[in-house]
N, C-alpha and C. Protein backbone atom coordinates (compact mmCIF):
# COMPACT_ATOMS: atom_id res chain seq x y z
N MET A 1 56.03 0.10 -20.99
CA MET A 1 56.57 1.62 -19.32
C MET A 1 55.77 0.94 -18.51
N LYS A 2 54.48 -0.11 -19.05
CA LYS A 2 54.51 -0.42 -17.83
C LYS A 2 54.35 -1.32 -16.56
N THR A 3 55.72 -2.15 -17.46
CA THR A 3 56.23 -2.98 -17.24
C THR A 3 57.49 -2.67 -15.92
N ASN A 4 58.52 -0.91 -16.23
CA ASN A 4 59.26 -0.16 -16.19
C ASN A 4 58.73 0.62 -14.70
N LYS A 5 57.66 0.78 -14.84
CA LYS A 5 56.64 1.09 -13.63
C LYS A 5 56.58 -0.35 -12.66
N LEU A 6 55.78 -1.09 -12.90
CA LEU A 6 55.68 -2.22 -12.41
C LEU A 6 57.42 -2.37 -11.73
N LEU A 7 58.62 -2.48 -11.93
CA LEU A 7 59.71 -2.66 -11.29
C LEU A 7 59.77 -1.94 -10.34
N ARG A 8 59.54 -0.94 -11.17
CA ARG A 8 59.82 0.68 -9.86
C ARG A 8 58.87 0.84 -8.79
N LYS A 9 57.94 -0.09 -8.60
CA LYS A 9 57.11 -0.20 -7.03
C LYS A 9 56.72 -1.38 -6.68
N LEU A 10 58.16 -2.92 -6.82
CA LEU A 10 58.56 -3.71 -6.62
C LEU A 10 59.42 -3.20 -5.93
N GLY A 11 60.50 -2.33 -7.17
CA GLY A 11 62.02 -2.44 -6.50
C GLY A 11 61.59 -1.10 -4.86
N SER A 12 60.92 -0.14 -4.91
CA SER A 12 60.24 0.08 -3.81
C SER A 12 59.93 0.20 -2.77
N GLU A 13 58.95 -1.39 -2.31
CA GLU A 13 58.70 -1.93 -1.68
C GLU A 13 59.13 -2.81 -1.20
N PHE A 14 60.30 -3.20 -1.65
CA PHE A 14 61.75 -4.28 -1.62
C PHE A 14 62.18 -3.80 -0.64
N LEU A 15 62.40 -2.05 -0.88
CA LEU A 15 63.43 -1.64 -0.03
C LEU A 15 62.62 -1.06 1.00
N MET A 16 61.38 -0.49 1.70
CA MET A 16 60.19 -0.37 1.89
C MET A 16 60.45 -1.32 3.17
N GLY A 17 59.93 -2.63 2.79
CA GLY A 17 59.98 -4.02 3.13
C GLY A 17 61.61 -4.40 4.44
N ILE A 18 62.89 -4.38 3.67
CA ILE A 18 63.75 -3.65 4.83
C ILE A 18 63.93 -2.93 5.71
N ALA A 19 63.33 -2.16 4.93
CA ALA A 19 64.08 -0.26 6.46
C ALA A 19 62.89 -1.61 6.72
N GLY A 20 61.36 -2.00 7.00
CA GLY A 20 60.58 -1.84 7.87
C GLY A 20 61.18 -3.08 8.79
N ILE A 21 61.95 -4.43 8.29
CA ILE A 21 62.21 -5.17 8.97
C ILE A 21 63.44 -4.22 10.10
N LEU A 22 64.13 -3.23 9.51
CA LEU A 22 65.05 -2.88 10.44
C LEU A 22 64.45 -1.78 11.58
N GLY A 23 63.31 -1.75 11.48
CA GLY A 23 63.11 -0.57 12.24
C GLY A 23 62.14 -1.33 12.49
N THR A 24 61.74 -2.21 12.43
CA THR A 24 60.58 -3.61 13.35
C THR A 24 59.17 -3.35 13.33
N HIS A 25 59.14 -3.86 12.36
CA HIS A 25 57.76 -3.34 11.45
C HIS A 25 57.78 -4.16 10.60
N ILE A 26 56.38 -4.39 10.53
CA ILE A 26 56.45 -5.25 9.01
C ILE A 26 54.07 -4.79 8.58
N GLU A 27 55.27 -3.92 7.51
CA GLU A 27 53.25 -3.34 6.98
C GLU A 27 52.57 -3.93 5.91
N THR A 28 53.48 -4.26 5.09
CA THR A 28 53.45 -5.34 3.43
C THR A 28 53.74 -6.79 3.94
N LYS A 29 53.20 -6.94 2.22
CA LYS A 29 53.46 -8.57 2.17
C LYS A 29 54.76 -9.01 1.72
N ILE A 30 55.08 -8.14 0.49
CA ILE A 30 57.01 -7.72 0.86
C ILE A 30 57.78 -7.49 1.88
N GLY A 31 57.52 -7.32 2.98
CA GLY A 31 57.94 -6.77 4.33
C GLY A 31 58.28 -8.22 4.90
N LEU A 32 57.34 -8.29 5.38
CA LEU A 32 56.59 -10.18 5.77
C LEU A 32 57.05 -11.58 4.78
N GLY A 33 57.33 -11.47 3.54
CA GLY A 33 58.15 -12.01 2.89
C GLY A 33 59.34 -11.98 2.91
N ILE A 34 60.28 -10.68 2.79
CA ILE A 34 61.87 -10.54 3.66
C ILE A 34 61.60 -11.50 5.07
N PHE A 35 61.02 -11.09 6.21
CA PHE A 35 61.16 -11.34 7.35
C PHE A 35 61.24 -12.83 6.70
N LEU A 36 60.59 -13.53 6.32
CA LEU A 36 60.22 -14.75 6.54
C LEU A 36 61.21 -15.82 5.89
N LEU A 37 61.57 -14.76 5.00
CA LEU A 37 63.15 -15.23 3.80
C LEU A 37 64.47 -15.35 4.76
N ILE A 38 63.92 -15.11 5.88
CA ILE A 38 65.83 -14.68 5.80
C ILE A 38 65.86 -15.29 7.15
N PRO A 39 65.13 -15.66 8.14
CA PRO A 39 65.57 -16.95 9.29
C PRO A 39 64.89 -18.63 8.35
N GLY A 40 64.06 -18.47 6.88
CA GLY A 40 63.95 -19.28 6.39
C GLY A 40 65.55 -20.01 5.90
N ILE A 41 65.98 -18.90 4.75
CA ILE A 41 67.47 -19.24 4.72
C ILE A 41 68.74 -19.68 5.80
N ALA A 42 68.33 -18.75 6.66
CA ALA A 42 69.13 -19.86 7.58
C ALA A 42 69.02 -20.39 8.28
N ILE A 43 67.93 -21.54 8.59
CA ILE A 43 67.19 -22.77 9.07
C ILE A 43 68.35 -24.07 8.06
N PHE A 44 67.78 -23.07 6.25
CA PHE A 44 67.87 -24.33 5.92
C PHE A 44 69.29 -24.65 5.25
N PHE A 45 70.47 -23.49 5.19
CA PHE A 45 72.00 -23.77 4.97
C PHE A 45 72.30 -23.30 6.61
N SER A 46 72.28 -23.20 7.53
CA SER A 46 72.48 -23.94 8.28
C SER A 46 73.44 -24.71 8.88
N LYS A 47 75.01 -24.95 9.20
CA LYS A 47 75.56 -26.17 9.90
C LYS A 47 75.06 -27.15 10.48
N GLU A 48 75.10 -26.27 11.86
CA GLU A 48 74.32 -26.99 12.81
C GLU A 48 73.03 -27.97 12.80
N VAL A 49 72.74 -27.48 11.73
CA VAL A 49 71.66 -29.50 11.70
C VAL A 49 71.85 -29.37 10.66
N ALA A 50 72.46 -29.36 10.32
CA ALA A 50 73.09 -30.99 9.91
C ALA A 50 73.87 -31.63 10.83
N HIS A 51 74.38 -31.18 12.04
CA HIS A 51 74.47 -32.04 13.16
C HIS A 51 73.41 -32.91 13.73
N GLU A 52 72.85 -32.18 13.53
CA GLU A 52 71.63 -32.71 14.76
C GLU A 52 70.73 -34.12 14.41
N ASP A 53 70.11 -34.91 15.56
CA ASP A 53 70.04 -36.23 15.26
C ASP A 53 68.59 -35.54 13.78
N ASN A 54 68.01 -35.56 13.86
CA ASN A 54 66.67 -35.74 12.85
C ASN A 54 66.67 -33.97 12.23
N PRO A 55 67.76 -33.95 11.20
CA PRO A 55 67.74 -33.18 10.44
C PRO A 55 66.25 -31.71 9.69
N GLU A 56 65.74 -33.25 8.80
CA GLU A 56 64.82 -34.07 8.31
C GLU A 56 63.73 -32.68 9.35
N ALA A 57 63.17 -32.60 9.98
CA ALA A 57 62.26 -31.60 10.54
C ALA A 57 62.33 -30.15 10.77
N SER A 58 64.01 -29.46 10.48
CA SER A 58 64.31 -28.54 10.36
C SER A 58 64.57 -27.78 8.69
N TYR A 59 64.46 -28.72 7.83
CA TYR A 59 65.17 -28.56 6.64
C TYR A 59 63.65 -27.82 5.85
N ILE A 60 63.09 -29.26 6.55
CA ILE A 60 60.99 -28.26 6.12
C ILE A 60 60.40 -27.64 6.38
N ILE A 61 61.03 -27.08 7.77
CA ILE A 61 60.90 -25.33 8.98
C ILE A 61 61.77 -24.69 7.71
N GLY A 62 62.53 -24.64 7.31
CA GLY A 62 63.39 -23.95 6.24
C GLY A 62 62.65 -23.56 5.44
N THR A 63 62.19 -24.61 4.16
CA THR A 63 62.18 -25.02 3.23
C THR A 63 60.15 -24.40 3.64
N PHE A 64 59.54 -24.20 3.98
CA PHE A 64 58.37 -23.71 4.46
C PHE A 64 58.45 -22.32 4.32
N LEU A 65 59.05 -21.88 5.05
CA LEU A 65 59.69 -20.37 5.43
C LEU A 65 59.83 -19.41 4.39
N ILE A 66 61.01 -20.11 3.45
CA ILE A 66 60.95 -20.02 1.91
C ILE A 66 60.23 -20.20 1.12
N PHE A 67 59.33 -20.98 0.46
CA PHE A 67 57.50 -20.69 0.50
C PHE A 67 56.83 -20.16 0.56
N ILE A 68 56.44 -19.66 1.68
CA ILE A 68 55.08 -19.09 2.36
C ILE A 68 56.13 -17.31 1.65
N ALA A 69 57.14 -17.20 1.39
CA ALA A 69 58.10 -15.49 1.10
C ALA A 69 57.96 -15.21 -0.15
N ILE A 70 57.81 -17.18 -0.98
CA ILE A 70 58.23 -16.32 -2.99
C ILE A 70 56.92 -16.70 -2.82
N LEU A 71 55.59 -16.63 -1.87
CA LEU A 71 54.13 -16.73 -2.69
C LEU A 71 53.71 -15.35 -1.65
N LEU A 72 54.29 -15.06 -1.42
CA LEU A 72 53.46 -13.80 -0.65
C LEU A 72 54.42 -13.12 -2.24
N PHE A 73 55.36 -12.99 -2.11
CA PHE A 73 56.03 -12.02 -2.81
C PHE A 73 55.49 -12.30 -4.60
N PHE A 74 55.12 -13.49 -4.85
CA PHE A 74 53.96 -13.26 -5.95
C PHE A 74 53.08 -12.70 -6.07
N ILE A 75 51.96 -13.32 -5.12
CA ILE A 75 50.47 -12.89 -4.50
C ILE A 75 50.58 -10.73 -4.77
N ARG A 76 51.98 -10.26 -3.89
CA ARG A 76 51.77 -9.15 -4.02
C ARG A 76 52.55 -8.74 -5.77
N TYR A 77 53.14 -9.08 -6.94
CA TYR A 77 53.58 -8.99 -7.80
C TYR A 77 52.29 -9.20 -8.91
N LYS A 78 51.21 -9.85 -8.19
CA LYS A 78 49.82 -10.21 -9.13
C LYS A 78 48.45 -8.35 -9.00
N GLU A 79 48.76 -8.32 -7.05
CA GLU A 79 48.19 -7.35 -7.77
C GLU A 79 49.03 -5.55 -8.41
N LEU A 80 50.33 -5.82 -7.81
CA LEU A 80 50.52 -4.97 -8.43
C LEU A 80 50.49 -4.83 -10.23
N ARG A 81 50.28 -5.69 -10.81
CA ARG A 81 50.51 -5.62 -12.36
C ARG A 81 48.94 -5.36 -12.61
N LYS A 82 47.38 -6.57 -11.55
CA LYS A 82 45.89 -5.61 -11.88
C LYS A 82 46.21 -4.23 -11.72
N LYS A 83 46.88 -3.79 -10.59
CA LYS A 83 46.46 -1.75 -10.46
C LYS A 83 47.37 -1.80 -11.58
N THR A 84 47.69 -1.77 -11.94
CA THR A 84 48.78 -1.30 -13.30
C THR A 84 48.18 -0.69 -15.13
N GLU A 85 47.28 -2.17 -14.85
CA GLU A 85 46.91 -2.58 -15.89
C GLU A 85 45.52 -1.76 -16.30
């Protein structure tokens, strides 16, 4: 039961994060994580980056943004898990 409640809360925060980005405001860690994840993935998988003279810098920046986004998701998950217990 607690797991379902936790997953519902995470899902609603994820959807609110997406809506927040579309509305150009970021209020939660999930919203900030989504905001960082989108450019991180775009930079990391961009075909134009591979044609640059020094693509390693762009790959490092993309990886860093993705890592920070995942870290924010994990921190919020732990906070919600602590609240539901």
